[in-house]
Amino acid sequence: MKQILIEEKEKISIVDTEMPALGPGEVLIKIGFVGFCGSDLNTWLGQNALAISPVVPGHEIGGTVEEIGADVPEGLFRKGMHVTVNPYTACGKCPSCRRRRPNTCRDNQTLGVQRHGAMQEYIAVPWEKVVDADGLSVKECALIEPMSVGFHAVARGEVTDIDTVMVIGCGMIGLGAIVRASLRGARVIAVDLDEKKLELAKKLGAAYGLDSTKEDFHDRLMEITGGDGPDVVIEAVGSPFTYNLAVNEVSFAGRVVCIGYSAQPVTFQTKLFVQKELDIRGSRNALPEDFKAVKEYMKRGGCPVDALVSATVKPEDAADILAYWNGHRGDVFRILVEF
């Protein structure tokens, strides 16, 4: 079968390999689409310290059930069913797992990062990791995981219908947070530098779209929030500027939820942590209930799949599209590889 392999920095190959053996308790999935995410791009650039090398990338999966192994509970799956995959592992023993937060397991191994991923024609996975997504297209299935990360951030922020939520960064994960916050009834303020992204954010539920570099940004934010600032800020960029923006602009007694990684050190006015008595929370990956919430949202219709998918390519074009993405980061939401 055909497989994409990142061999080393900026070297990606298409290799022919054997079909995966189907073991007891596993489901064989025929891959339709797999999304490239930021971690895959960083792996290709040699900047992902967590990734094994070489590695088969890909953990945003849309596929169909091809075969069901022995010891899989009867009635859960059938051949041809559309599915996605929960790509994270959990040890069941560490503090996170004991607190029922397996999404942030100390020993987590995500597909396409710490272990080989799904950019190949078939993949065999434990049945517990297979997510029934019947009723959705295979392409929609490939968007469930990245959107669920944004959904999880909203859960971490304990967003309710009386909150004003500011989401900094309108990439795929930030847009997921905007969708989920608006579904919970919150008033959402989207923040980005790109007008096209801000317009899409408004179509997905944001009441306002603000450019954080504008001179009147703070004044406009105070006008919208009655001088209080947003109750919840979700940081989905990962830069010193946006991290400070989150802490500076969140309301007193507010919540800051951090998704983005900053490659550079971030210096804070820590007095704001104390003066505002802030809750500052990390958000990593997603839980099964986040996957379920995304599925239900998509099944209701209205998710602009074509607007979220910037390009769909064949495996042979993987190297070219990663190079393009690296040079046009502001123009890309999601890139799908079609098998």
C-alpha atoms as a PDB file:
ATOM      1  CA  MET A   1       0.000   0.000   0.000  1.00  0.00           C
ATOM      2  CA  LYS A   2       0.996   3.646  -0.464  1.00  0.00           C
ATOM      3  CA  GLN A   3       2.409   5.487   2.555  1.00  0.00           C
ATOM      4  CA  ILE A   4       3.754   9.011   3.188  1.00  0.00           C
ATOM      5  CA  LEU A   5       6.965   9.096   5.219  1.00  0.00           C
ATOM      6  CA  ILE A   6       8.774  12.151   6.603  1.00  0.00           C
ATOM      7  CA  GLU A   7      12.334  10.795   6.582  1.00  0.00           C
ATOM      8  CA  GLU A   8      14.232  13.851   7.821  1.00  0.00           C
ATOM      9  CA  LYS A   9      14.145  17.634   7.672  1.00  0.00           C
ATOM     10  CA  GLU A  10      12.301  18.746   4.501  1.00  0.00           C
ATOM     11  CA  LYS A  11      12.483  15.253   3.039  1.00  0.00           C
ATOM     12  CA  ILE A  12       9.222  13.436   2.438  1.00  0.00           C
ATOM     13  CA  SER A  13       8.775  10.250   0.419  1.00  0.00           C
ATOM     14  CA  ILE A  14       6.018   8.043  -0.934  1.00  0.00           C
ATOM     15  CA  VAL A  15       6.846   4.443  -0.111  1.00  0.00           C
ATOM     16  CA  ASP A  16       5.210   1.127  -0.875  1.00  0.00           C
ATOM     17  CA  THR A  17       4.679  -0.925   2.260  1.00  0.00           C
ATOM     18  CA  GLU A  18       2.730  -3.950   3.430  1.00  0.00           C
ATOM     19  CA  MET A  19      -0.863  -3.779   4.575  1.00  0.00           C
ATOM     20  CA  PRO A  20      -1.182  -3.598   8.367  1.00  0.00           C
ATOM     21  CA  ALA A  21      -1.952  -6.886  10.060  1.00  0.00           C
ATOM     22  CA  LEU A  22      -5.337  -6.862  11.788  1.00  0.00           C
ATOM     23  CA  GLY A  23      -4.974  -8.020  15.368  1.00  0.00           C
ATOM     24  CA  PRO A  24      -7.567  -9.038  17.950  1.00  0.00           C
ATOM     25  CA  GLY A  25      -9.602  -6.087  19.172  1.00  0.00           C
ATOM     26  CA  GLU A  26      -8.679  -3.957  16.156  1.00  0.00           C
ATOM     27  CA  VAL A  27     -10.553  -2.375  13.251  1.00  0.00           C
ATOM     28  CA  LEU A  28      -9.017  -1.972   9.790  1.00  0.00           C
ATOM     29  CA  ILE A  29      -9.847   1.425   8.317  1.00  0.00           C
ATOM     30  CA  LYS A  30      -9.573   2.365   4.668  1.00  0.00           C
ATOM     31  CA  ILE A  31      -8.271   5.930   4.654  1.00  0.00           C
ATOM     32  CA  GLY A  32     -10.114   8.503   2.558  1.00  0.00           C
ATOM     33  CA  PHE A  33      -8.675  11.804   3.795  1.00  0.00           C
ATOM     34  CA  VAL A  34      -6.024  12.776   6.339  1.00  0.00           C
ATOM     35  CA  GLY A  35      -5.377  16.366   7.377  1.00  0.00           C
ATOM     36  CA  PHE A  36      -1.975  18.002   7.625  1.00  0.00           C
ATOM     37  CA  CYS A  37      -1.774  20.003  10.856  1.00  0.00           C
ATOM     38  CA  GLY A  38       0.781  22.402  12.305  1.00  0.00           C
ATOM     39  CA  SER A  39       2.623  19.613  14.116  1.00  0.00           C
ATOM     40  CA  ASP A  40       3.120  17.803  10.785  1.00  0.00           C
ATOM     41  CA  LEU A  41       4.484  20.980   9.202  1.00  0.00           C
ATOM     42  CA  ASN A  42       6.878  21.440  12.119  1.00  0.00           C
ATOM     43  CA  THR A  43       7.983  17.808  11.817  1.00  0.00           C
ATOM     44  CA  TRP A  44       8.751  18.344   8.126  1.00  0.00           C
ATOM     45  CA  LEU A  45      10.720  21.483   9.039  1.00  0.00           C
ATOM     46  CA  GLY A  46      12.706  19.580  11.675  1.00  0.00           C
ATOM     47  CA  GLN A  47      11.207  21.692  14.464  1.00  0.00           C
ATOM     48  CA  ASN A  48       9.054  19.144  16.281  1.00  0.00           C
ATOM     49  CA  ALA A  49      11.094  17.835  19.191  1.00  0.00           C
ATOM     50  CA  LEU A  50       8.355  15.351  20.126  1.00  0.00           C
ATOM     51  CA  ALA A  51       8.263  13.543  16.759  1.00  0.00           C
ATOM     52  CA  ILE A  52      10.063  10.297  16.078  1.00  0.00           C
ATOM     53  CA  SER A  53      12.152  10.117  12.920  1.00  0.00           C
ATOM     54  CA  PRO A  54      11.352   8.862  10.388  1.00  0.00           C
ATOM     55  CA  VAL A  55       7.609   9.136  10.933  1.00  0.00           C
ATOM     56  CA  VAL A  56       4.388   8.557   9.046  1.00  0.00           C
ATOM     57  CA  PRO A  57       2.454  11.785   9.740  1.00  0.00           C
ATOM     58  CA  GLY A  58      -1.273  12.311  10.150  1.00  0.00           C
ATOM     59  CA  HIS A  59      -3.844  12.104  12.936  1.00  0.00           C
ATOM     60  CA  GLU A  60      -6.854  13.950  11.459  1.00  0.00           C
ATOM     61  CA  ILE A  61      -8.605  11.000   9.891  1.00  0.00           C
ATOM     62  CA  GLY A  62     -11.584  10.354   7.690  1.00  0.00           C
ATOM     63  CA  GLY A  63     -12.136   6.771   6.558  1.00  0.00           C
ATOM     64  CA  THR A  64     -14.402   3.764   6.269  1.00  0.00           C
ATOM     65  CA  VAL A  65     -14.427   0.477   8.136  1.00  0.00           C
ATOM     66  CA  GLU A  66     -12.841  -2.190   5.956  1.00  0.00           C
ATOM     67  CA  GLU A  67     -12.583  -5.164   8.329  1.00  0.00           C
ATOM     68  CA  ILE A  68     -13.402  -5.933  11.959  1.00  0.00           C
ATOM     69  CA  GLY A  69     -11.037  -8.085  14.006  1.00  0.00           C
ATOM     70  CA  ALA A  70     -11.760 -10.772  16.554  1.00  0.00           C
ATOM     71  CA  ASP A  71     -12.778  -9.695  20.047  1.00  0.00           C
ATOM     72  CA  VAL A  72     -14.370  -6.441  18.871  1.00  0.00           C
ATOM     73  CA  PRO A  73     -17.801  -6.102  20.552  1.00  0.00           C
ATOM     74  CA  GLU A  74     -20.548  -7.057  18.133  1.00  0.00           C
ATOM     75  CA  GLY A  75     -22.809  -4.400  16.662  1.00  0.00           C
ATOM     76  CA  LEU A  76     -20.511  -1.415  17.157  1.00  0.00           C
ATOM     77  CA  PHE A  77     -19.127  -1.270  13.634  1.00  0.00           C
ATOM     78  CA  ARG A  78     -19.971  -2.506  10.165  1.00  0.00           C
ATOM     79  CA  LYS A  79     -18.071  -2.571   6.914  1.00  0.00           C
ATOM     80  CA  GLY A  80     -18.407   0.717   5.026  1.00  0.00           C
ATOM     81  CA  MET A  81     -19.223   2.795   8.116  1.00  0.00           C
ATOM     82  CA  HIS A  82     -17.725   6.291   8.054  1.00  0.00           C
ATOM     83  CA  VAL A  83     -15.399   6.849  10.990  1.00  0.00           C
ATOM     84  CA  THR A  84     -12.668   8.998  12.444  1.00  0.00           C
ATOM     85  CA  VAL A  85     -10.092   8.057  15.077  1.00  0.00           C
ATOM     86  CA  ASN A  86      -9.224   9.384  18.509  1.00  0.00           C
ATOM     87  CA  PRO A  87      -5.446   9.582  17.897  1.00  0.00           C
ATOM     88  CA  TYR A  88      -4.206   9.889  21.476  1.00  0.00           C
ATOM     89  CA  THR A  89      -3.058   7.180  23.880  1.00  0.00           C
ATOM     90  CA  ALA A  90      -3.421   7.044  27.645  1.00  0.00           C
ATOM     91  CA  CYS A  91      -1.494   4.966  30.158  1.00  0.00           C
ATOM     92  CA  GLY A  92      -4.325   4.799  32.690  1.00  0.00           C
ATOM     93  CA  LYS A  93      -1.910   5.237  35.601  1.00  0.00           C
ATOM     94  CA  CYS A  94      -0.470   8.776  35.596  1.00  0.00           C
ATOM     95  CA  PRO A  95      -1.998  11.718  37.523  1.00  0.00           C
ATOM     96  CA  SER A  96      -3.912  12.932  34.453  1.00  0.00           C
ATOM     97  CA  CYS A  97      -5.444   9.539  33.783  1.00  0.00           C
ATOM     98  CA  ARG A  98      -6.327   9.059  37.440  1.00  0.00           C
ATOM     99  CA  ARG A  99      -8.155  12.392  37.299  1.00  0.00           C
ATOM    100  CA  ARG A 100     -10.090  11.188  34.237  1.00  0.00           C
ATOM    101  CA  ARG A 101      -8.280  13.546  31.877  1.00  0.00           C
ATOM    102  CA  PRO A 102      -6.630  11.035  29.513  1.00  0.00           C
ATOM    103  CA  ASN A 103      -6.313  13.707  26.815  1.00  0.00           C
ATOM    104  CA  THR A 104      -3.299  15.048  28.701  1.00  0.00           C
ATOM    105  CA  CYS A 105      -1.764  11.723  29.717  1.00  0.00           C
ATOM    106  CA  ARG A 106       1.838  12.130  30.831  1.00  0.00           C
ATOM    107  CA  ASP A 107       2.845   9.305  28.490  1.00  0.00           C
ATOM    108  CA  ASN A 108       0.577  10.228  25.588  1.00  0.00           C
ATOM    109  CA  GLN A 109       1.658   9.139  22.115  1.00  0.00           C
ATOM    110  CA  THR A 110      -0.256  10.860  19.343  1.00  0.00           C
ATOM    111  CA  LEU A 111      -0.531   9.306  15.899  1.00  0.00           C
ATOM    112  CA  GLY A 112       1.909  10.941  13.516  1.00  0.00           C
ATOM    113  CA  VAL A 113       4.077  12.366  16.301  1.00  0.00           C
ATOM    114  CA  GLN A 114       5.380   9.887  18.892  1.00  0.00           C
ATOM    115  CA  ARG A 115       4.195   6.934  16.770  1.00  0.00           C
ATOM    116  CA  HIS A 116       3.433   6.370  13.112  1.00  0.00           C
ATOM    117  CA  GLY A 117       0.266   8.038  11.866  1.00  0.00           C
ATOM    118  CA  ALA A 118      -2.442   7.571   9.284  1.00  0.00           C
ATOM    119  CA  MET A 119      -1.083   8.943   5.984  1.00  0.00           C
ATOM    120  CA  GLN A 120      -1.356   5.606   4.236  1.00  0.00           C
ATOM    121  CA  GLU A 121      -4.067   3.681   2.469  1.00  0.00           C
ATOM    122  CA  TYR A 122      -5.068   1.548   5.469  1.00  0.00           C
ATOM    123  CA  ILE A 123      -4.545   1.677   9.227  1.00  0.00           C
ATOM    124  CA  ALA A 124      -5.418  -0.813  11.978  1.00  0.00           C
ATOM    125  CA  VAL A 125      -6.388   0.706  15.341  1.00  0.00           C
ATOM    126  CA  PRO A 126      -7.880  -0.563  18.612  1.00  0.00           C
ATOM    127  CA  TRP A 127     -11.665  -0.535  18.423  1.00  0.00           C
ATOM    128  CA  GLU A 128     -11.867   1.773  21.451  1.00  0.00           C
ATOM    129  CA  LYS A 129     -10.212   4.534  19.386  1.00  0.00           C
ATOM    130  CA  VAL A 130     -12.623   4.294  16.448  1.00  0.00           C
ATOM    131  CA  VAL A 131     -15.286   7.027  16.446  1.00  0.00           C
ATOM    132  CA  ASP A 132     -18.549   6.254  14.641  1.00  0.00           C
ATOM    133  CA  ALA A 133     -19.262   9.203  12.353  1.00  0.00           C
ATOM    134  CA  ASP A 134     -21.999   7.759  10.137  1.00  0.00           C
ATOM    135  CA  GLY A 135     -24.117  10.521   8.678  1.00  0.00           C
ATOM    136  CA  LEU A 136     -21.053  12.595   7.838  1.00  0.00           C
ATOM    137  CA  SER A 137     -18.960  12.494   4.688  1.00  0.00           C
ATOM    138  CA  VAL A 138     -15.452  11.037   4.875  1.00  0.00           C
ATOM    139  CA  LYS A 139     -14.071  14.530   4.245  1.00  0.00           C
ATOM    140  CA  GLU A 140     -16.068  15.913   7.186  1.00  0.00           C
ATOM    141  CA  CYS A 141     -14.705  13.114   9.352  1.00  0.00           C
ATOM    142  CA  ALA A 142     -11.169  14.426   8.767  1.00  0.00           C
ATOM    143  CA  LEU A 143     -12.164  17.778  10.319  1.00  0.00           C
ATOM    144  CA  ILE A 144     -13.573  16.348  13.555  1.00  0.00           C
ATOM    145  CA  GLU A 145     -10.293  16.009  15.478  1.00  0.00           C
ATOM    146  CA  PRO A 146      -8.872  19.508  14.846  1.00  0.00           C
ATOM    147  CA  MET A 147     -12.224  21.123  15.576  1.00  0.00           C
ATOM    148  CA  SER A 148     -12.574  19.070  18.764  1.00  0.00           C
ATOM    149  CA  VAL A 149      -9.390  20.687  20.128  1.00  0.00           C
ATOM    150  CA  GLY A 150     -11.127  24.069  19.998  1.00  0.00           C
ATOM    151  CA  PHE A 151     -14.268  22.572  21.515  1.00  0.00           C
ATOM    152  CA  HIS A 152     -12.182  21.219  24.390  1.00  0.00           C
ATOM    153  CA  ALA A 153     -10.683  24.650  25.079  1.00  0.00           C
ATOM    154  CA  VAL A 154     -14.184  26.042  25.532  1.00  0.00           C
ATOM    155  CA  ALA A 155     -14.948  23.271  28.002  1.00  0.00           C
ATOM    156  CA  ARG A 156     -11.743  24.109  29.885  1.00  0.00           C
ATOM    157  CA  GLY A 157     -12.924  27.719  30.053  1.00  0.00           C
ATOM    158  CA  GLU A 158     -16.296  26.611  31.498  1.00  0.00           C
ATOM    159  CA  VAL A 159     -18.020  28.917  29.028  1.00  0.00           C
ATOM    160  CA  THR A 160     -21.699  29.650  29.606  1.00  0.00           C
ATOM    161  CA  ASP A 161     -24.393  31.758  27.981  1.00  0.00           C
ATOM    162  CA  ILE A 162     -23.643  34.752  30.210  1.00  0.00           C
ATOM    163  CA  ASP A 163     -19.995  34.980  29.141  1.00  0.00           C
ATOM    164  CA  THR A 164     -18.238  37.159  26.612  1.00  0.00           C
ATOM    165  CA  VAL A 165     -15.465  35.089  25.063  1.00  0.00           C
ATOM    166  CA  MET A 166     -12.515  36.435  23.107  1.00  0.00           C
ATOM    167  CA  VAL A 167     -10.766  33.920  20.839  1.00  0.00           C
ATOM    168  CA  ILE A 168      -7.312  35.031  19.699  1.00  0.00           C
ATOM    169  CA  GLY A 169      -6.395  33.313  16.436  1.00  0.00           C
ATOM    170  CA  CYS A 170      -8.859  32.202  13.770  1.00  0.00           C
ATOM    171  CA  GLY A 171      -7.045  29.185  12.427  1.00  0.00           C
ATOM    172  CA  MET A 172      -8.781  25.813  12.418  1.00  0.00           C
ATOM    173  CA  ILE A 173      -8.544  25.295  16.190  1.00  0.00           C
ATOM    174  CA  GLY A 174      -9.560  28.851  17.010  1.00  0.00           C
ATOM    175  CA  LEU A 175     -12.553  28.523  14.714  1.00  0.00           C
ATOM    176  CA  GLY A 176     -13.540  25.365  16.577  1.00  0.00           C
ATOM    177  CA  ALA A 177     -13.490  27.358  19.807  1.00  0.00           C
ATOM    178  CA  ILE A 178     -15.633  30.071  18.202  1.00  0.00           C
ATOM    179  CA  VAL A 179     -18.201  27.516  17.063  1.00  0.00           C
ATOM    180  CA  ARG A 180     -18.416  25.835  20.458  1.00  0.00           C
ATOM    181  CA  ALA A 181     -18.573  29.066  22.462  1.00  0.00           C
ATOM    182  CA  SER A 182     -21.373  30.382  20.257  1.00  0.00           C
ATOM    183  CA  LEU A 183     -23.238  27.065  20.533  1.00  0.00           C
ATOM    184  CA  ARG A 184     -23.101  27.492  24.314  1.00  0.00           C
ATOM    185  CA  GLY A 185     -24.782  30.876  23.942  1.00  0.00           C
ATOM    186  CA  ALA A 186     -21.758  33.052  24.684  1.00  0.00           C
ATOM    187  CA  ARG A 187     -21.072  36.339  22.945  1.00  0.00           C
ATOM    188  CA  VAL A 188     -17.891  35.762  20.937  1.00  0.00           C
ATOM    189  CA  ILE A 189     -15.216  38.229  19.862  1.00  0.00           C
ATOM    190  CA  ALA A 190     -12.847  36.852  17.203  1.00  0.00           C
ATOM    191  CA  VAL A 191      -9.340  38.339  16.993  1.00  0.00           C
ATOM    192  CA  ASP A 192      -6.955  37.892  14.073  1.00  0.00           C
ATOM    193  CA  LEU A 193      -4.823  39.854  11.608  1.00  0.00           C
ATOM    194  CA  ASP A 194      -6.543  38.508   8.499  1.00  0.00           C
ATOM    195  CA  GLU A 195      -9.846  39.994   7.321  1.00  0.00           C
ATOM    196  CA  LYS A 196     -10.870  36.815   5.476  1.00  0.00           C
ATOM    197  CA  LYS A 197     -10.434  34.768   8.625  1.00  0.00           C
ATOM    198  CA  LEU A 198     -12.397  37.285  10.641  1.00  0.00           C
ATOM    199  CA  GLU A 199     -15.245  37.168   8.127  1.00  0.00           C
ATOM    200  CA  LEU A 200     -15.329  33.379   8.315  1.00  0.00           C
ATOM    201  CA  ALA A 201     -15.273  33.583  12.113  1.00  0.00           C
ATOM    202  CA  LYS A 202     -18.385  35.752  11.994  1.00  0.00           C
ATOM    203  CA  LYS A 203     -20.122  33.235   9.751  1.00  0.00           C
ATOM    204  CA  LEU A 204     -19.329  30.572  12.355  1.00  0.00           C
ATOM    205  CA  GLY A 205     -20.861  32.489  15.241  1.00  0.00           C
ATOM    206  CA  ALA A 206     -18.583  35.365  16.287  1.00  0.00           C
ATOM    207  CA  ALA A 207     -20.494  38.572  16.957  1.00  0.00           C
ATOM    208  CA  TYR A 208     -17.395  40.716  16.369  1.00  0.00           C
ATOM    209  CA  GLY A 209     -14.140  40.432  14.441  1.00  0.00           C
ATOM    210  CA  LEU A 210     -11.216  42.593  15.603  1.00  0.00           C
ATOM    211  CA  ASP A 211      -7.679  43.120  14.320  1.00  0.00           C
ATOM    212  CA  SER A 212      -5.408  43.142  17.377  1.00  0.00           C
ATOM    213  CA  THR A 213      -2.846  45.407  15.676  1.00  0.00           C
ATOM    214  CA  LYS A 214      -5.269  48.288  15.174  1.00  0.00           C
ATOM    215  CA  GLU A 215      -4.630  51.344  17.316  1.00  0.00           C
ATOM    216  CA  ASP A 216      -8.186  51.366  18.635  1.00  0.00           C
ATOM    217  CA  PHE A 217      -8.262  47.636  19.538  1.00  0.00           C
ATOM    218  CA  HIS A 218      -8.339  48.110  23.313  1.00  0.00           C
ATOM    219  CA  ASP A 219     -10.878  50.937  23.130  1.00  0.00           C
ATOM    220  CA  ARG A 220     -13.119  48.887  20.852  1.00  0.00           C
ATOM    221  CA  LEU A 221     -12.863  45.896  23.179  1.00  0.00           C
ATOM    222  CA  MET A 222     -13.800  48.044  26.169  1.00  0.00           C
ATOM    223  CA  GLU A 223     -16.737  49.442  24.215  1.00  0.00           C
ATOM    224  CA  ILE A 224     -18.025  45.966  23.396  1.00  0.00           C
ATOM    225  CA  THR A 225     -17.627  44.693  26.967  1.00  0.00           C
ATOM    226  CA  GLY A 226     -18.837  47.764  28.794  1.00  0.00           C
ATOM    227  CA  GLY A 227     -15.348  48.507  30.109  1.00  0.00           C
ATOM    228  CA  ASP A 228     -14.943  45.105  31.776  1.00  0.00           C
ATOM    229  CA  GLY A 229     -13.006  43.056  29.233  1.00  0.00           C
ATOM    230  CA  PRO A 230     -13.989  39.532  28.141  1.00  0.00           C
ATOM    231  CA  ASP A 231     -14.852  36.954  30.791  1.00  0.00           C
ATOM    232  CA  VAL A 232     -12.899  34.243  28.972  1.00  0.00           C
ATOM    233  CA  VAL A 233      -9.950  34.569  26.601  1.00  0.00           C
ATOM    234  CA  ILE A 234      -8.844  31.586  24.509  1.00  0.00           C
ATOM    235  CA  GLU A 235      -5.300  31.935  23.161  1.00  0.00           C
ATOM    236  CA  ALA A 236      -4.941  29.902  19.950  1.00  0.00           C
ATOM    237  CA  VAL A 237      -1.852  31.463  18.360  1.00  0.00           C
ATOM    238  CA  GLY A 238       1.168  30.901  20.566  1.00  0.00           C
ATOM    239  CA  SER A 239       3.228  34.094  20.548  1.00  0.00           C
ATOM    240  CA  PRO A 240       4.495  36.425  23.289  1.00  0.00           C
ATOM    241  CA  PHE A 241       2.273  39.197  21.927  1.00  0.00           C
ATOM    242  CA  THR A 242      -0.948  37.161  21.993  1.00  0.00           C
ATOM    243  CA  TYR A 243      -0.221  35.639  25.407  1.00  0.00           C
ATOM    244  CA  ASN A 244       0.245  39.101  26.878  1.00  0.00           C
ATOM    245  CA  LEU A 245      -2.840  40.317  25.036  1.00  0.00           C
ATOM    246  CA  ALA A 246      -4.871  37.570  26.711  1.00  0.00           C
ATOM    247  CA  VAL A 247      -3.685  38.411  30.235  1.00  0.00           C
ATOM    248  CA  ASN A 248      -3.894  42.162  29.749  1.00  0.00           C
ATOM    249  CA  GLU A 249      -7.387  42.234  28.271  1.00  0.00           C
ATOM    250  CA  VAL A 250      -9.241  39.524  30.207  1.00  0.00           C
ATOM    251  CA  SER A 251     -11.637  40.787  32.859  1.00  0.00           C
ATOM    252  CA  PHE A 252     -10.987  40.745  36.586  1.00  0.00           C
ATOM    253  CA  ALA A 253     -11.744  37.227  37.902  1.00  0.00           C
ATOM    254  CA  GLY A 254     -11.570  36.044  34.283  1.00  0.00           C
ATOM    255  CA  ARG A 255     -10.342  32.802  32.738  1.00  0.00           C
ATOM    256  CA  VAL A 256      -7.484  32.491  30.242  1.00  0.00           C
ATOM    257  CA  VAL A 257      -7.278  29.228  28.285  1.00  0.00           C
ATOM    258  CA  CYS A 258      -3.974  28.507  26.546  1.00  0.00           C
ATOM    259  CA  ILE A 259      -3.815  26.296  23.440  1.00  0.00           C
ATOM    260  CA  GLY A 260      -0.974  27.811  21.436  1.00  0.00           C
ATOM    261  CA  TYR A 261       2.705  27.046  22.035  1.00  0.00           C
ATOM    262  CA  SER A 262       5.115  29.989  22.016  1.00  0.00           C
ATOM    263  CA  ALA A 263       8.542  29.126  20.638  1.00  0.00           C
ATOM    264  CA  GLN A 264       9.969  32.153  22.451  1.00  0.00           C
ATOM    265  CA  PRO A 265       9.956  32.901  26.194  1.00  0.00           C
ATOM    266  CA  VAL A 266       7.012  35.031  27.332  1.00  0.00           C
ATOM    267  CA  THR A 267       7.406  37.791  29.933  1.00  0.00           C
ATOM    268  CA  PHE A 268       4.264  38.675  31.899  1.00  0.00           C
ATOM    269  CA  GLN A 269       3.259  41.410  34.304  1.00  0.00           C
ATOM    270  CA  THR A 270       2.560  38.816  36.966  1.00  0.00           C
ATOM    271  CA  LYS A 271       0.842  41.381  39.175  1.00  0.00           C
ATOM    272  CA  LEU A 272      -2.151  40.954  36.842  1.00  0.00           C
ATOM    273  CA  PHE A 273      -2.392  37.282  37.824  1.00  0.00           C
ATOM    274  CA  VAL A 274      -2.867  38.369  41.424  1.00  0.00           C
ATOM    275  CA  GLN A 275      -4.771  41.635  41.009  1.00  0.00           C
ATOM    276  CA  LYS A 276      -7.306  40.046  38.689  1.00  0.00           C
ATOM    277  CA  GLU A 277      -7.237  36.681  40.504  1.00  0.00           C
ATOM    278  CA  LEU A 278      -7.053  34.978  37.124  1.00  0.00           C
ATOM    279  CA  ASP A 279      -7.673  31.353  36.308  1.00  0.00           C
ATOM    280  CA  ILE A 280      -5.008  30.435  33.743  1.00  0.00           C
ATOM    281  CA  ARG A 281      -5.600  27.012  32.239  1.00  0.00           C
ATOM    282  CA  GLY A 282      -3.880  24.885  29.648  1.00  0.00           C
ATOM    283  CA  SER A 283      -5.877  22.961  27.051  1.00  0.00           C
ATOM    284  CA  ARG A 284      -4.477  19.908  25.302  1.00  0.00           C
ATOM    285  CA  ASN A 285      -6.005  17.593  22.719  1.00  0.00           C
ATOM    286  CA  ALA A 286      -9.645  16.608  23.323  1.00  0.00           C
ATOM    287  CA  LEU A 287     -11.901  14.196  25.204  1.00  0.00           C
ATOM    288  CA  PRO A 288     -14.458  11.777  23.725  1.00  0.00           C
ATOM    289  CA  GLU A 289     -17.277  14.156  24.615  1.00  0.00           C
ATOM    290  CA  ASP A 290     -15.589  16.864  22.525  1.00  0.00           C
ATOM    291  CA  PHE A 291     -15.510  14.530  19.518  1.00  0.00           C
ATOM    292  CA  LYS A 292     -19.187  13.775  20.087  1.00  0.00           C
ATOM    293  CA  ALA A 293     -20.076  17.468  20.283  1.00  0.00           C
ATOM    294  CA  VAL A 294     -18.297  18.180  16.987  1.00  0.00           C
ATOM    295  CA  LYS A 295     -20.116  15.295  15.297  1.00  0.00           C
ATOM    296  CA  GLU A 296     -23.487  16.591  16.440  1.00  0.00           C
ATOM    297  CA  TYR A 297     -22.636  20.103  15.267  1.00  0.00           C
ATOM    298  CA  MET A 298     -21.632  18.829  11.823  1.00  0.00           C
ATOM    299  CA  LYS A 299     -24.678  16.601  11.501  1.00  0.00           C
ATOM    300  CA  ARG A 300     -26.929  19.616  11.926  1.00  0.00           C
ATOM    301  CA  GLY A 301     -25.415  21.089   8.759  1.00  0.00           C
ATOM    302  CA  GLY A 302     -24.066  24.548   8.229  1.00  0.00           C
ATOM    303  CA  CYS A 303     -20.393  23.725   8.747  1.00  0.00           C
ATOM    304  CA  PRO A 304     -18.602  25.409   5.803  1.00  0.00           C
ATOM    305  CA  VAL A 305     -16.358  22.471   4.920  1.00  0.00           C
ATOM    306  CA  ASP A 306     -15.251  23.951   1.601  1.00  0.00           C
ATOM    307  CA  ALA A 307     -14.145  27.164   3.327  1.00  0.00           C
ATOM    308  CA  LEU A 308     -12.228  25.258   5.999  1.00  0.00           C
ATOM    309  CA  VAL A 309     -10.348  23.028   3.538  1.00  0.00           C
ATOM    310  CA  SER A 310      -7.765  25.197   1.814  1.00  0.00           C
ATOM    311  CA  ALA A 311      -6.482  22.433  -0.474  1.00  0.00           C
ATOM    312  CA  THR A 312      -6.972  18.748  -1.209  1.00  0.00           C
ATOM    313  CA  VAL A 313      -3.952  16.979  -2.679  1.00  0.00           C
ATOM    314  CA  LYS A 314      -2.753  13.532  -3.666  1.00  0.00           C
ATOM    315  CA  PRO A 315       0.064  11.888  -1.667  1.00  0.00           C
ATOM    316  CA  GLU A 316       2.543  12.646  -4.447  1.00  0.00           C
ATOM    317  CA  ASP A 317       1.972  16.376  -3.899  1.00  0.00           C
ATOM    318  CA  ALA A 318       2.627  16.302  -0.134  1.00  0.00           C
ATOM    319  CA  ALA A 319       6.096  17.857  -0.284  1.00  0.00           C
ATOM    320  CA  ASP A 320       4.966  20.695  -2.550  1.00  0.00           C
ATOM    321  CA  ILE A 321       1.941  21.548  -0.440  1.00  0.00           C
ATOM    322  CA  LEU A 322       3.986  21.621   2.789  1.00  0.00           C
ATOM    323  CA  ALA A 323       6.459  23.994   1.150  1.00  0.00           C
ATOM    324  CA  TYR A 324       3.568  26.175   0.002  1.00  0.00           C
ATOM    325  CA  TRP A 325       2.021  26.171   3.484  1.00  0.00           C
ATOM    326  CA  ASN A 326       5.317  27.174   5.060  1.00  0.00           C
ATOM    327  CA  GLY A 327       5.445  30.209   2.808  1.00  0.00           C
ATOM    328  CA  HIS A 328       1.749  31.145   3.069  1.00  0.00           C
ATOM    329  CA  ARG A 329       0.798  30.349   6.669  1.00  0.00           C
ATOM    330  CA  GLY A 330      -1.839  33.033   6.906  1.00  0.00           C
ATOM    331  CA  ASP A 331      -3.730  31.634   3.908  1.00  0.00           C
ATOM    332  CA  VAL A 332      -4.206  28.062   5.104  1.00  0.00           C
ATOM    333  CA  PHE A 333      -6.853  26.518   7.358  1.00  0.00           C
ATOM    334  CA  ARG A 334      -6.578  22.817   6.622  1.00  0.00           C
ATOM    335  CA  ILE A 335      -4.867  20.764   3.919  1.00  0.00           C
ATOM    336  CA  LEU A 336      -6.257  17.313   3.248  1.00  0.00           C
ATOM    337  CA  VAL A 337      -4.406  14.437   1.612  1.00  0.00           C
ATOM    338  CA  GLU A 338      -6.748  12.173  -0.347  1.00  0.00           C
ATOM    339  CA  PHE A 339      -6.017   8.471  -0.657  1.00  0.00           C
END
